[in-house]
Amino acid sequence: MSQFDSGQWLVCYDIRDKRRLGRVFRFLKKQGVPVQYSVFLVDASAAKMRRLLVELGQLIDTRADDVRAYGLPAQPQYDTIGQSMLPLNILPTLSLQ
């Protein structure tokens, strides 16, 4: 994927302070779809993801908090157990077949 091609990213975080946690959650809710607690699916180019991570870096305490972004392949493979927070058809690449 080039830096300008859009792709899907999993953004995961572990934030120690409740106030910072709220800020990070509200910020990511505007950027993507919550998949699980502290995990968001974001559709973005690599360049946009770098900018997003810079903005997140301003919201967290880098000595205590952890934020990670994982680029997903075009056709991700996954399994689920239990109730999903997402409707099955919210994103075509994530719908069960």
Protein backbone atom coordinates (compact mmCIF):
# COMPACT_ATOMS: atom_id res chain seq x y z
CA MET A 1 0.00 0.00 0.00
CA SER A 2 1.38 3.40 -0.93
CA GLN A 3 1.22 6.22 1.58
CA PHE A 4 -1.84 7.64 -0.23
CA ASP A 5 -3.81 4.42 -0.83
CA SER A 6 -6.59 3.91 1.66
CA GLY A 7 -6.57 0.80 3.79
CA GLN A 8 -7.94 -0.52 7.05
CA TRP A 9 -6.10 -0.23 10.35
CA LEU A 10 -6.72 -1.64 13.80
CA VAL A 11 -5.94 1.00 16.39
CA CYS A 12 -5.60 -0.38 19.93
CA TYR A 13 -4.87 1.47 23.12
CA ASP A 14 -4.20 1.02 26.81
CA ILE A 15 -4.63 4.31 28.67
CA ARG A 16 -4.08 4.49 32.44
CA ASP A 17 -5.86 7.76 33.26
CA LYS A 18 -9.67 7.95 32.93
CA ARG A 19 -9.60 11.53 31.61
CA ARG A 20 -7.05 10.68 28.90
CA LEU A 21 -8.96 7.49 28.13
CA GLY A 22 -12.11 9.52 27.48
CA ARG A 23 -10.24 11.91 25.20
CA VAL A 24 -8.69 9.08 23.18
CA PHE A 25 -12.03 7.27 22.88
CA ARG A 26 -13.86 10.40 21.68
CA PHE A 27 -11.09 11.20 19.22
CA LEU A 28 -11.06 7.69 17.72
CA LYS A 29 -14.85 7.50 17.59
CA LYS A 30 -14.68 10.38 15.07
CA GLN A 31 -12.03 8.52 13.04
CA GLY A 32 -13.32 4.96 12.94
CA VAL A 33 -15.62 2.26 14.24
CA PRO A 34 -15.26 0.67 17.68
CA VAL A 35 -14.69 -3.06 17.27
CA GLN A 36 -14.09 -3.97 20.92
CA TYR A 37 -13.20 -2.09 24.07
CA SER A 38 -10.04 -0.11 23.27
CA VAL A 39 -9.94 -1.32 19.65
CA PHE A 40 -11.05 0.71 16.62
CA LEU A 41 -11.17 -0.04 12.91
CA VAL A 42 -10.00 3.00 10.93
CA ASP A 43 -10.07 3.46 7.15
CA ALA A 44 -7.08 5.66 6.27
CA SER A 45 -4.05 6.01 4.07
CA ALA A 46 -0.61 5.54 5.64
CA ALA A 47 -0.09 9.32 5.52
CA LYS A 48 -3.41 9.97 7.28
CA MET A 49 -2.61 7.31 9.87
CA ARG A 50 0.72 8.99 10.64
CA ARG A 51 -1.11 12.31 11.20
CA LEU A 52 -3.71 10.55 13.35
CA LEU A 53 -0.98 9.00 15.50
CA VAL A 54 0.71 12.38 15.94
CA GLU A 55 -2.61 13.79 17.18
CA LEU A 56 -3.07 10.81 19.50
CA GLY A 57 0.45 11.38 20.81
CA GLN A 58 -0.69 14.79 22.01
CA LEU A 59 -3.62 13.25 23.92
CA ILE A 60 -1.69 10.59 25.84
CA ASP A 61 1.14 10.32 28.35
CA THR A 62 3.79 8.39 26.40
CA ARG A 63 5.43 7.28 29.66
CA ALA A 64 2.27 5.52 30.89
CA ASP A 65 0.00 4.87 27.89
CA ASP A 66 0.27 2.63 24.83
CA VAL A 67 -1.32 3.20 21.40
CA ARG A 68 -0.69 0.87 18.47
CA ALA A 69 -1.88 0.82 14.84
CA TYR A 70 -1.79 -2.33 12.73
CA GLY A 71 -2.35 -2.17 8.98
CA LEU A 72 -4.68 -4.92 7.78
CA PRO A 73 -4.25 -6.85 4.53
CA ALA A 74 -6.80 -6.25 1.75
CA GLN A 75 -8.53 -9.58 2.52
CA PRO A 76 -8.12 -10.14 6.26
CA GLN A 77 -8.86 -13.55 7.71
CA TYR A 78 -10.40 -13.69 11.14
CA ASP A 79 -12.56 -15.79 13.45
CA THR A 80 -14.94 -14.63 16.13
CA ILE A 81 -16.48 -16.18 19.20
CA GLY A 82 -19.34 -14.52 21.02
CA GLN A 83 -21.45 -11.46 20.34
CA SER A 84 -19.98 -8.94 17.88
CA MET A 85 -20.28 -5.21 18.52
CA LEU A 86 -20.44 -4.61 14.74
CA PRO A 87 -23.35 -5.47 12.44
CA LEU A 88 -22.21 -8.15 10.00
CA ASN A 89 -22.48 -5.85 6.96
CA ILE A 90 -20.91 -2.66 8.33
CA LEU A 91 -17.72 -3.13 6.31
CA PRO A 92 -17.61 -5.47 3.32
CA THR A 93 -14.13 -6.82 4.10
CA LEU A 94 -15.21 -7.75 7.61
CA SER A 95 -18.52 -9.44 6.84
CA LEU A 96 -18.70 -13.15 7.59
CA GLN A 97 -19.21 -15.40 4.58
